[in-house]
Amino acid sequence: MMHGFRRRRGQLTCTFEDTELTILCSLTKTLLQLLRSDAMPPVRASSWNDSSDCSPEALFAELENQMGCEVKADFATNPEVDPVLRRLFPDAYRDDEGASTEFRRFSQASERDEKLDAAVAMLSDMNQVGHDGRCAMPDEHVNDWLKTLTALRVAVAVRLGIKTSADADELGELPDEDPRTAVFSIYEWLGWVQESLLDCLH
C-alpha cells in the first residue's frame, strides 16, 4: 500500500505501488478527457499536456456501461449533460435556471481551465515518479492535488450514485463479487490519499 504523505527534508513526498500510481494516473487522465469533451467550452491552448507514461484504464467507461451514463454536448444550456460535469460545475442559482445558465456561460471556461491546470500539475508530479515509487510534490502544487483529488472523488461518487453517507455505507456492505465494490474501494482510497496530504499541512 502507498505510504502516506510526509515531509522529507522540507519537501512533501509519498510512495506509490505501481498499481496505485497507474490507477491515479488513469483517473486523472480520464478527468482531463471529460473536462475537454464537447460538453465544455473550447480548451485554452496551454491547458492540456498528455505526456504521461501511465497506461489509462477505462474505469469510468466501464461504470458508464454499467449505469447507462452518456456524455451529452452543450453543457451551458443542456440540463441532461453528463452528471459528473453537473456536480463539478453546480448551478449558481438553484431556483433560477436562466440565471444559472448565464452565470455558467461567463464563468465556466475559467473554472474549467483551473481544474485542467490543477490536474495537469498533479499528473506532471506523478510523471516524475521513478522505480522506487516516490513522488515529490512542490509546495505550490498542494492545492492542485487537493482540488484534483476532490474532483476525482466527486466523479467516482457520481458514477456510483453516492449522494449521502447512507449511500456510501450501503456500498460498503456490497459483496466482493459486485463490480461496484472495487470502484468503491478506489473512492475510499482517494479519500485516504487526500486526508494523508491534509494531515501534513497541520
Protein backbone atom coordinates (compact mmCIF):
# COMPACT_ATOMS: atom_id res chain seq x y z
CA MET A 1 0.00 0.00 0.00
CA MET A 2 1.00 3.59 -0.60
CA HIS A 3 2.81 5.26 2.27
CA GLY A 4 1.05 8.44 3.35
CA PHE A 5 2.30 11.90 2.51
CA ARG A 6 5.01 13.20 4.77
CA ARG A 7 7.60 15.98 4.82
CA ARG A 8 11.04 14.76 3.96
CA ARG A 9 13.85 17.30 4.12
CA GLY A 10 11.30 20.05 3.81
CA GLN A 11 9.51 18.51 0.82
CA LEU A 12 6.19 16.70 0.64
CA THR A 13 6.65 13.13 -0.56
CA CYS A 14 4.71 9.89 -0.81
CA THR A 15 5.44 6.45 -2.20
CA PHE A 16 3.07 4.61 -4.54
CA GLU A 17 2.85 1.00 -5.53
CA ASP A 18 2.81 0.52 -9.32
CA THR A 19 -0.89 -0.33 -9.36
CA GLU A 20 -1.80 2.68 -7.23
CA LEU A 21 0.14 5.04 -9.47
CA THR A 22 -1.46 3.54 -12.59
CA ILE A 23 -4.96 3.95 -11.15
CA LEU A 24 -4.34 7.54 -10.05
CA CYS A 25 -2.80 8.50 -13.40
CA SER A 26 -5.64 6.79 -15.25
CA LEU A 27 -8.37 8.54 -13.28
CA THR A 28 -6.66 11.91 -13.68
CA LYS A 29 -6.35 11.45 -17.43
CA THR A 30 -9.98 10.39 -17.64
CA LEU A 31 -10.99 13.52 -15.73
CA LEU A 32 -8.97 15.62 -18.15
CA GLN A 33 -10.68 13.97 -21.10
CA LEU A 34 -14.09 14.67 -19.61
CA LEU A 35 -13.19 18.31 -18.99
CA ARG A 36 -12.08 18.55 -22.62
CA SER A 37 -15.22 16.93 -24.02
CA ASP A 38 -17.59 18.61 -26.46
CA ALA A 39 -19.84 19.39 -23.49
CA MET A 40 -17.32 22.01 -22.36
CA PRO A 41 -16.16 25.33 -23.90
CA PRO A 42 -13.05 25.34 -26.14
CA VAL A 43 -9.85 24.48 -24.27
CA ARG A 44 -7.17 27.11 -23.79
CA ALA A 45 -4.12 26.08 -25.81
CA SER A 46 -1.81 25.69 -22.80
CA SER A 47 -4.22 23.74 -20.61
CA TRP A 48 -3.55 20.18 -21.74
CA ASN A 49 -0.38 18.15 -21.89
CA ASP A 50 -0.87 14.41 -22.27
CA SER A 51 2.72 13.35 -21.59
CA SER A 52 2.05 10.62 -19.05
CA ASP A 53 3.73 7.25 -19.44
CA CYS A 54 0.95 5.61 -17.39
CA SER A 55 -1.43 3.35 -19.31
CA PRO A 56 -5.04 4.60 -18.89
CA GLU A 57 -7.64 2.20 -17.54
CA ALA A 58 -11.27 2.57 -18.62
CA LEU A 59 -12.71 2.69 -15.10
CA PHE A 60 -15.21 5.45 -15.82
CA ALA A 61 -16.08 3.94 -19.20
CA GLU A 62 -16.87 0.64 -17.53
CA LEU A 63 -19.05 2.39 -14.98
CA GLU A 64 -20.84 4.25 -17.77
CA ASN A 65 -21.54 0.93 -19.47
CA GLN A 66 -22.92 -0.49 -16.23
CA MET A 67 -25.04 2.51 -15.32
CA GLY A 68 -26.05 3.84 -18.72
CA CYS A 69 -24.29 7.20 -18.38
CA GLU A 70 -23.76 9.19 -21.56
CA VAL A 71 -21.87 12.42 -22.22
CA LYS A 72 -24.11 14.97 -23.96
CA ALA A 73 -22.96 18.19 -25.54
CA ASP A 74 -23.66 21.86 -24.77
CA PHE A 75 -23.24 21.95 -21.01
CA ALA A 76 -24.16 25.63 -20.78
CA THR A 77 -27.75 25.02 -21.90
CA ASN A 78 -28.42 21.26 -21.65
CA PRO A 79 -29.65 20.09 -18.24
CA GLU A 80 -29.14 16.47 -19.33
CA VAL A 81 -25.37 16.82 -19.62
CA ASP A 82 -23.08 14.24 -18.01
CA PRO A 83 -23.91 14.22 -14.27
CA VAL A 84 -20.23 14.36 -13.32
CA LEU A 85 -19.94 17.75 -15.02
CA ARG A 86 -23.12 18.85 -13.25
CA ARG A 87 -21.51 18.04 -9.89
CA LEU A 88 -18.17 19.61 -10.81
CA PHE A 89 -19.91 22.77 -12.07
CA PRO A 90 -23.08 23.09 -9.94
CA ASP A 91 -25.82 25.62 -10.59
CA ALA A 92 -25.09 29.00 -9.04
CA TYR A 93 -28.81 29.71 -8.60
CA ARG A 94 -30.79 26.59 -7.81
CA ASP A 95 -34.17 28.29 -8.19
CA ASP A 96 -33.37 30.27 -11.34
CA GLU A 97 -32.32 28.16 -14.31
CA GLY A 98 -31.93 31.17 -16.59
CA ALA A 99 -29.61 32.97 -14.18
CA SER A 100 -27.60 29.77 -13.66
CA THR A 101 -27.20 29.33 -17.41
CA GLU A 102 -25.97 32.89 -17.83
CA PHE A 103 -23.59 32.60 -14.87
CA ARG A 104 -22.19 29.37 -16.26
CA ARG A 105 -21.77 30.91 -19.70
CA PHE A 106 -19.48 33.59 -18.27
CA SER A 107 -17.66 31.62 -15.56
CA GLN A 108 -17.46 28.04 -16.77
CA ALA A 109 -14.46 28.43 -19.07
CA SER A 110 -12.22 29.90 -16.37
CA GLU A 111 -13.40 27.35 -13.79
CA ARG A 112 -12.73 24.55 -16.25
CA ASP A 113 -9.26 25.88 -17.01
CA GLU A 114 -8.45 25.99 -13.28
CA LYS A 115 -9.47 22.35 -12.93
CA LEU A 116 -7.48 21.42 -16.02
CA ASP A 117 -4.37 23.23 -14.80
CA ALA A 118 -4.62 21.57 -11.39
CA ALA A 119 -4.99 18.09 -12.90
CA VAL A 120 -2.09 18.68 -15.30
CA ALA A 121 0.14 19.81 -12.39
CA MET A 122 -0.74 16.68 -10.42
CA LEU A 123 -0.15 14.46 -13.44
CA SER A 124 3.20 16.16 -14.02
CA ASP A 125 4.30 15.28 -10.48
CA MET A 126 3.26 11.67 -10.98
CA ASN A 127 5.19 11.54 -14.26
CA GLN A 128 8.38 12.20 -12.27
CA VAL A 129 7.98 9.09 -10.12
CA GLY A 130 10.89 6.69 -10.51
CA HIS A 131 11.25 2.96 -9.98
CA ASP A 132 11.10 3.45 -6.21
CA GLY A 133 7.55 4.82 -6.49
CA ARG A 134 8.48 8.01 -4.65
CA CYS A 135 6.51 11.10 -5.65
CA ALA A 136 7.85 14.52 -4.64
CA MET A 137 5.32 17.33 -4.62
CA PRO A 138 6.33 21.00 -4.78
CA ASP A 139 4.53 23.09 -2.17
CA GLU A 140 2.99 25.20 -4.94
CA HIS A 141 1.18 22.08 -6.19
CA VAL A 142 -0.55 21.24 -2.90
CA ASN A 143 -3.79 23.00 -3.84
CA ASP A 144 -3.66 21.38 -7.29
CA TRP A 145 -3.54 17.92 -5.72
CA LEU A 146 -6.32 18.74 -3.25
CA LYS A 147 -8.57 20.16 -5.98
CA THR A 148 -7.95 17.24 -8.32
CA LEU A 149 -8.41 14.57 -5.66
CA THR A 150 -11.70 16.23 -4.73
CA ALA A 151 -12.79 16.24 -8.37
CA LEU A 152 -11.85 12.58 -8.76
CA ARG A 153 -13.84 11.60 -5.67
CA VAL A 154 -16.82 13.58 -6.95
CA ALA A 155 -16.61 11.83 -10.32
CA VAL A 156 -16.40 8.36 -8.80
CA ALA A 157 -19.19 9.19 -6.33
CA VAL A 158 -21.48 10.26 -9.17
CA ARG A 159 -20.78 7.10 -11.12
CA LEU A 160 -21.54 5.02 -8.03
CA GLY A 161 -24.67 7.01 -7.20
CA ILE A 162 -23.34 8.29 -3.87
CA LYS A 163 -25.36 11.29 -2.69
CA THR A 164 -25.42 10.72 1.08
CA SER A 165 -23.35 8.97 3.72
CA ALA A 166 -26.05 6.29 3.80
CA ASP A 167 -25.37 5.56 0.11
CA ALA A 168 -21.67 5.11 0.90
CA ASP A 169 -22.47 2.85 3.84
CA GLU A 170 -24.67 0.70 1.61
CA LEU A 171 -21.91 0.34 -0.99
CA GLY A 172 -19.50 -0.62 1.77
CA GLU A 173 -21.69 -3.63 2.54
CA LEU A 174 -21.75 -4.98 -1.01
CA PRO A 175 -20.31 -8.46 -1.64
CA ASP A 176 -16.86 -8.72 -3.19
CA GLU A 177 -18.25 -10.09 -6.45
CA ASP A 178 -20.32 -6.94 -7.07
CA PRO A 179 -18.45 -4.86 -9.73
CA ARG A 180 -19.11 -1.68 -7.74
CA THR A 181 -17.09 -2.96 -4.80
CA ALA A 182 -13.72 -2.45 -6.49
CA VAL A 183 -14.70 1.04 -7.63
CA PHE A 184 -15.93 1.92 -4.15
CA SER A 185 -12.59 0.83 -2.72
CA ILE A 186 -10.93 3.31 -5.09
CA TYR A 187 -13.32 6.02 -3.89
CA GLU A 188 -12.31 5.35 -0.30
CA TRP A 189 -8.63 5.17 -1.20
CA LEU A 190 -8.80 8.59 -2.89
CA GLY A 191 -10.22 9.97 0.35
CA TRP A 192 -7.38 8.39 2.30
CA VAL A 193 -4.78 9.94 -0.03
CA GLN A 194 -6.39 13.34 0.36
CA GLU A 195 -6.59 13.03 4.15
CA SER A 196 -2.94 11.99 4.27
CA LEU A 197 -1.98 15.15 2.42
CA LEU A 198 -4.15 17.37 4.61
CA ASP A 199 -2.52 15.92 7.73
CA CYS A 200 0.85 17.17 6.50
CA LEU A 201 -0.45 20.73 6.34
CA HIS A 202 -1.42 20.96 10.01
